[in-house]
Amino acid sequence: NHPDPMTDWEILREVLSRNPWVMIPILISGVLSFFYNILQYTVVHKLSPTHCTLAGNFNKAATIALSLTMGLEAVPAGKYGTIFVVAIMVNISAFTAFSASKAK
């Protein structure tokens, strides 16, 4: 805890005074975010709204599955855990089926 409240700029100046190299990951993250937003904008305008919605839901389900696999999250206990896992699998399966039907 810092004794006095600090603004964002004051925090940034403090961090830079201690380790200026910390800005490299921040800048790289900003560049990657910029290109990801361009990619997402392009995809949204080339695909149908239904496909974009399902892709967004798939992305969320895949992120949850990845975080469970990496041990960052835990499955809820009891029947809700089973419902949780089944919901993720159904979501991913629905997107896969929809994408496969569109590919034909």
Foldseek 3Di string as FASTA:
>chain_A
DDPDDDDPVVVVVVVCVVPVVVVVVVVVVVVVVVVVVVVLVVVPVVDDPVLNVLVVQLVVLVVVVVCCVVVVDDQDDDPSSVVSVVVSVVSNVVSVVVVVVVVD
